[in-house]
Amino acid sequence: MRYDADSVVTYLDKLPPDRREVIEHLRSVILDNLPSGFEETVTYGMIGYVVPKSLYPAGYKPTPDQALPFLGLASQKNHIAVYHMGIFMSPDLLTWFKEEYHKRVPTKLDMGKSCIRFRNAKNIPFDLIGELCRKMTVDDYIRLYKAATTVRT
């Protein structure tokens, strides 16, 4: 679900109490573990963590006036979602995450390219999400993003 919010506080205020508690916990884990340089914002109707234009002036290629998105946190209709844009750009990081997930969580991983879906809040591996956040710095992500968006001739 997309919440019309102009701030993280407004986004959180619009959530049902059970979802708000989970999102606040995930947000706390992300903020405690995200390397310096990323900036918290509301983007694409969810809580987002971006590379600010001051660090990467080129911005996001499809919409260069916007900061480069890195991570998103959302309460969707049937699940909680963590979007990690770097995870599908780094095969090593993806492999690590899948292996660690299967070691720590009894349920099957529900994941798209960058979207990790949690249908049951009791199965969210908060410690693993924290570790995932620590695995990629702003500079690492910018390098991966540039390599992925550079047209090779």
C-alpha atoms as a PDB file:
ATOM      1  CA  MET A   1       0.000   0.000   0.000  1.00  0.00           C
ATOM      2  CA  ARG A   2       1.166   3.487  -0.709  1.00  0.00           C
ATOM      3  CA  TYR A   3       0.715   5.991   2.091  1.00  0.00           C
ATOM      4  CA  ASP A   4       0.485   9.645   1.217  1.00  0.00           C
ATOM      5  CA  ALA A   5       3.006  11.083   3.667  1.00  0.00           C
ATOM      6  CA  ASP A   6       5.528  13.893   3.543  1.00  0.00           C
ATOM      7  CA  SER A   7       7.549  12.738   6.547  1.00  0.00           C
ATOM      8  CA  VAL A   8       8.506   9.541   8.337  1.00  0.00           C
ATOM      9  CA  VAL A   9       6.397  10.574  11.339  1.00  0.00           C
ATOM     10  CA  THR A  10       3.345  11.075   9.114  1.00  0.00           C
ATOM     11  CA  TYR A  11       3.956   7.722   7.419  1.00  0.00           C
ATOM     12  CA  LEU A  12       4.156   5.970  10.785  1.00  0.00           C
ATOM     13  CA  ASP A  13       1.039   7.761  12.061  1.00  0.00           C
ATOM     14  CA  LYS A  14      -0.979   6.384   9.137  1.00  0.00           C
ATOM     15  CA  LEU A  15      -0.142   2.750   9.893  1.00  0.00           C
ATOM     16  CA  PRO A  16      -2.392   0.427  11.871  1.00  0.00           C
ATOM     17  CA  PRO A  17      -0.932  -0.129  15.378  1.00  0.00           C
ATOM     18  CA  ASP A  18       0.301  -3.690  14.749  1.00  0.00           C
ATOM     19  CA  ARG A  19       2.078  -2.678  11.545  1.00  0.00           C
ATOM     20  CA  ARG A  20       3.436   0.495  13.092  1.00  0.00           C
ATOM     21  CA  GLU A  21       5.167  -1.482  15.845  1.00  0.00           C
ATOM     22  CA  VAL A  22       6.914  -3.749  13.320  1.00  0.00           C
ATOM     23  CA  ILE A  23       7.889  -0.905  10.981  1.00  0.00           C
ATOM     24  CA  GLU A  24       9.246   1.136  13.907  1.00  0.00           C
ATOM     25  CA  HIS A  25      11.346  -1.833  15.025  1.00  0.00           C
ATOM     26  CA  LEU A  26      12.697  -2.395  11.497  1.00  0.00           C
ATOM     27  CA  ARG A  27      13.359   1.320  11.138  1.00  0.00           C
ATOM     28  CA  SER A  28      15.327   1.300  14.381  1.00  0.00           C
ATOM     29  CA  VAL A  29      17.390  -1.684  13.192  1.00  0.00           C
ATOM     30  CA  ILE A  30      18.089   0.049   9.878  1.00  0.00           C
ATOM     31  CA  LEU A  31      19.064   3.354  11.489  1.00  0.00           C
ATOM     32  CA  ASP A  32      21.334   1.579  13.980  1.00  0.00           C
ATOM     33  CA  ASN A  33      23.147  -0.358  11.257  1.00  0.00           C
ATOM     34  CA  LEU A  34      23.130   1.708   8.068  1.00  0.00           C
ATOM     35  CA  PRO A  35      26.587   3.087   7.242  1.00  0.00           C
ATOM     36  CA  SER A  36      26.997   6.840   7.393  1.00  0.00           C
ATOM     37  CA  GLY A  37      26.112   8.900   4.357  1.00  0.00           C
ATOM     38  CA  PHE A  38      22.650   7.513   3.620  1.00  0.00           C
ATOM     39  CA  GLU A  39      19.745   9.812   4.381  1.00  0.00           C
ATOM     40  CA  GLU A  40      16.282   8.871   5.638  1.00  0.00           C
ATOM     41  CA  THR A  41      13.336  10.258   3.706  1.00  0.00           C
ATOM     42  CA  VAL A  42       9.889   9.373   2.443  1.00  0.00           C
ATOM     43  CA  THR A  43       9.980   8.373  -1.183  1.00  0.00           C
ATOM     44  CA  TYR A  44       7.741   6.297  -3.457  1.00  0.00           C
ATOM     45  CA  GLY A  45       5.105   6.231  -0.711  1.00  0.00           C
ATOM     46  CA  MET A  46       7.359   4.525   1.850  1.00  0.00           C
ATOM     47  CA  ILE A  47      10.223   5.193   4.232  1.00  0.00           C
ATOM     48  CA  GLY A  48      13.369   5.376   2.152  1.00  0.00           C
ATOM     49  CA  TYR A  49      17.105   5.595   2.597  1.00  0.00           C
ATOM     50  CA  VAL A  50      18.885   7.367  -0.215  1.00  0.00           C
ATOM     51  CA  VAL A  51      22.272   8.578  -1.346  1.00  0.00           C
ATOM     52  CA  PRO A  52      21.772  12.336  -1.066  1.00  0.00           C
ATOM     53  CA  LYS A  53      22.414  14.560  -4.058  1.00  0.00           C
ATOM     54  CA  SER A  54      25.279  16.163  -2.114  1.00  0.00           C
ATOM     55  CA  LEU A  55      27.139  12.831  -2.374  1.00  0.00           C
ATOM     56  CA  TYR A  56      25.880  11.752  -5.804  1.00  0.00           C
ATOM     57  CA  PRO A  57      24.722  14.818  -7.758  1.00  0.00           C
ATOM     58  CA  ALA A  58      23.706  12.778 -10.833  1.00  0.00           C
ATOM     59  CA  GLY A  59      20.771  11.383  -8.853  1.00  0.00           C
ATOM     60  CA  TYR A  60      18.587   8.492  -9.941  1.00  0.00           C
ATOM     61  CA  LYS A  61      18.904   7.984 -13.692  1.00  0.00           C
ATOM     62  CA  PRO A  62      15.168   7.795 -14.567  1.00  0.00           C
ATOM     63  CA  THR A  63      14.480  10.897 -12.434  1.00  0.00           C
ATOM     64  CA  PRO A  64      17.807  12.739 -11.990  1.00  0.00           C
ATOM     65  CA  ASP A  65      16.222  15.422  -9.804  1.00  0.00           C
ATOM     66  CA  GLN A  66      15.700  12.737  -7.120  1.00  0.00           C
ATOM     67  CA  ALA A  67      18.315  11.276  -4.798  1.00  0.00           C
ATOM     68  CA  LEU A  68      19.569   7.778  -5.558  1.00  0.00           C
ATOM     69  CA  PRO A  69      17.331   5.253  -3.713  1.00  0.00           C
ATOM     70  CA  PHE A  70      19.107   2.519  -1.759  1.00  0.00           C
ATOM     71  CA  LEU A  71      16.721   0.960   0.731  1.00  0.00           C
ATOM     72  CA  GLY A  72      12.988   1.125   1.331  1.00  0.00           C
ATOM     73  CA  LEU A  73      10.713   0.043   4.142  1.00  0.00           C
ATOM     74  CA  ALA A  74       6.993  -0.362   3.555  1.00  0.00           C
ATOM     75  CA  SER A  75       3.800  -1.736   4.991  1.00  0.00           C
ATOM     76  CA  GLN A  76       2.097  -3.344   2.022  1.00  0.00           C
ATOM     77  CA  LYS A  77      -1.407  -4.820   1.934  1.00  0.00           C
ATOM     78  CA  ASN A  78      -0.359  -8.396   2.747  1.00  0.00           C
ATOM     79  CA  HIS A  79       3.224  -8.054   3.939  1.00  0.00           C
ATOM     80  CA  ILE A  80       6.030  -5.913   5.295  1.00  0.00           C
ATOM     81  CA  ALA A  81       8.626  -5.173   2.635  1.00  0.00           C
ATOM     82  CA  VAL A  82      12.288  -4.290   2.813  1.00  0.00           C
ATOM     83  CA  TYR A  83      13.649  -3.136  -0.547  1.00  0.00           C
ATOM     84  CA  HIS A  84      17.452  -3.325  -0.812  1.00  0.00           C
ATOM     85  CA  MET A  85      18.545  -2.033  -4.223  1.00  0.00           C
ATOM     86  CA  GLY A  86      22.130  -3.206  -3.804  1.00  0.00           C
ATOM     87  CA  ILE A  87      21.258  -6.832  -3.151  1.00  0.00           C
ATOM     88  CA  PHE A  88      20.464  -7.644  -6.771  1.00  0.00           C
ATOM     89  CA  MET A  89      23.491  -5.717  -8.048  1.00  0.00           C
ATOM     90  CA  SER A  90      25.843  -7.799  -5.912  1.00  0.00           C
ATOM     91  CA  PRO A  91      25.625 -11.558  -6.516  1.00  0.00           C
ATOM     92  CA  ASP A  92      27.918 -12.180  -3.532  1.00  0.00           C
ATOM     93  CA  LEU A  93      25.680 -10.182  -1.212  1.00  0.00           C
ATOM     94  CA  LEU A  94      22.573 -11.955  -2.516  1.00  0.00           C
ATOM     95  CA  THR A  95      24.173 -15.383  -1.992  1.00  0.00           C
ATOM     96  CA  TRP A  96      25.252 -14.429   1.536  1.00  0.00           C
ATOM     97  CA  PHE A  97      21.771 -13.158   2.392  1.00  0.00           C
ATOM     98  CA  LYS A  98      19.987 -16.266   1.099  1.00  0.00           C
ATOM     99  CA  GLU A  99      22.337 -18.594   2.961  1.00  0.00           C
ATOM    100  CA  GLU A 100      22.011 -16.658   6.205  1.00  0.00           C
ATOM    101  CA  TYR A 101      18.238 -16.374   5.867  1.00  0.00           C
ATOM    102  CA  HIS A 102      17.866 -20.143   5.539  1.00  0.00           C
ATOM    103  CA  LYS A 103      20.040 -20.663   8.631  1.00  0.00           C
ATOM    104  CA  ARG A 104      17.985 -18.280  10.772  1.00  0.00           C
ATOM    105  CA  VAL A 105      14.389 -18.371   9.579  1.00  0.00           C
ATOM    106  CA  PRO A 106      12.204 -21.496   9.485  1.00  0.00           C
ATOM    107  CA  THR A 107      10.005 -20.203   6.643  1.00  0.00           C
ATOM    108  CA  LYS A 108      10.771 -20.010   2.945  1.00  0.00           C
ATOM    109  CA  LEU A 109      12.375 -16.786   1.694  1.00  0.00           C
ATOM    110  CA  ASP A 110       9.865 -14.656  -0.227  1.00  0.00           C
ATOM    111  CA  MET A 111      11.923 -12.335  -2.373  1.00  0.00           C
ATOM    112  CA  GLY A 112      11.895 -10.498  -5.686  1.00  0.00           C
ATOM    113  CA  LYS A 113      14.868  -8.672  -7.206  1.00  0.00           C
ATOM    114  CA  SER A 114      15.244  -6.151  -4.407  1.00  0.00           C
ATOM    115  CA  CYS A 115      12.106  -6.837  -2.375  1.00  0.00           C
ATOM    116  CA  ILE A 116      12.227  -9.030   0.702  1.00  0.00           C
ATOM    117  CA  ARG A 117       8.665  -9.788   1.825  1.00  0.00           C
ATOM    118  CA  PHE A 118       7.610 -10.778   5.323  1.00  0.00           C
ATOM    119  CA  ARG A 119       4.031 -12.014   5.548  1.00  0.00           C
ATOM    120  CA  ASN A 120       4.353 -12.891   9.229  1.00  0.00           C
ATOM    121  CA  ALA A 121       6.054 -10.331  11.462  1.00  0.00           C
ATOM    122  CA  LYS A 122       7.120 -13.125  13.831  1.00  0.00           C
ATOM    123  CA  ASN A 123       9.482 -14.408  11.123  1.00  0.00           C
ATOM    124  CA  ILE A 124      11.365 -11.176  10.500  1.00  0.00           C
ATOM    125  CA  PRO A 125      15.081 -11.759  11.184  1.00  0.00           C
ATOM    126  CA  PHE A 126      15.829  -8.301  12.594  1.00  0.00           C
ATOM    127  CA  ASP A 127      19.464  -9.193  13.300  1.00  0.00           C
ATOM    128  CA  LEU A 128      19.958 -10.349   9.708  1.00  0.00           C
ATOM    129  CA  ILE A 129      18.414  -7.145   8.328  1.00  0.00           C
ATOM    130  CA  GLY A 130      20.854  -5.203  10.506  1.00  0.00           C
ATOM    131  CA  GLU A 131      23.779  -7.200   9.139  1.00  0.00           C
ATOM    132  CA  LEU A 132      22.522  -6.678   5.585  1.00  0.00           C
ATOM    133  CA  CYS A 133      22.441  -2.921   6.178  1.00  0.00           C
ATOM    134  CA  ARG A 134      26.071  -2.929   7.339  1.00  0.00           C
ATOM    135  CA  LYS A 135      27.304  -4.831   4.285  1.00  0.00           C
ATOM    136  CA  MET A 136      27.241  -1.949   1.796  1.00  0.00           C
ATOM    137  CA  THR A 137      28.600   1.575   2.196  1.00  0.00           C
ATOM    138  CA  VAL A 138      27.492   4.608   0.225  1.00  0.00           C
ATOM    139  CA  ASP A 139      30.678   4.395  -1.866  1.00  0.00           C
ATOM    140  CA  ASP A 140      30.130   0.662  -2.521  1.00  0.00           C
ATOM    141  CA  TYR A 141      26.593   1.339  -3.675  1.00  0.00           C
ATOM    142  CA  ILE A 142      27.523   4.266  -5.906  1.00  0.00           C
ATOM    143  CA  ARG A 143      30.193   2.098  -7.587  1.00  0.00           C
ATOM    144  CA  LEU A 144      27.706  -0.718  -8.178  1.00  0.00           C
ATOM    145  CA  TYR A 145      25.048   1.677  -9.411  1.00  0.00           C
ATOM    146  CA  LYS A 146      27.444   3.383 -11.851  1.00  0.00           C
ATOM    147  CA  ALA A 147      28.626   0.018 -13.190  1.00  0.00           C
ATOM    148  CA  ALA A 148      25.041  -1.182 -13.621  1.00  0.00           C
ATOM    149  CA  THR A 149      23.874   1.952 -15.423  1.00  0.00           C
ATOM    150  CA  THR A 150      26.878   2.565 -17.638  1.00  0.00           C
ATOM    151  CA  VAL A 151      26.096   1.764 -21.258  1.00  0.00           C
ATOM    152  CA  ARG A 152      28.855  -0.375 -22.691  1.00  0.00           C
ATOM    153  CA  THR A 153      29.737   0.231 -26.332  1.00  0.00           C
END
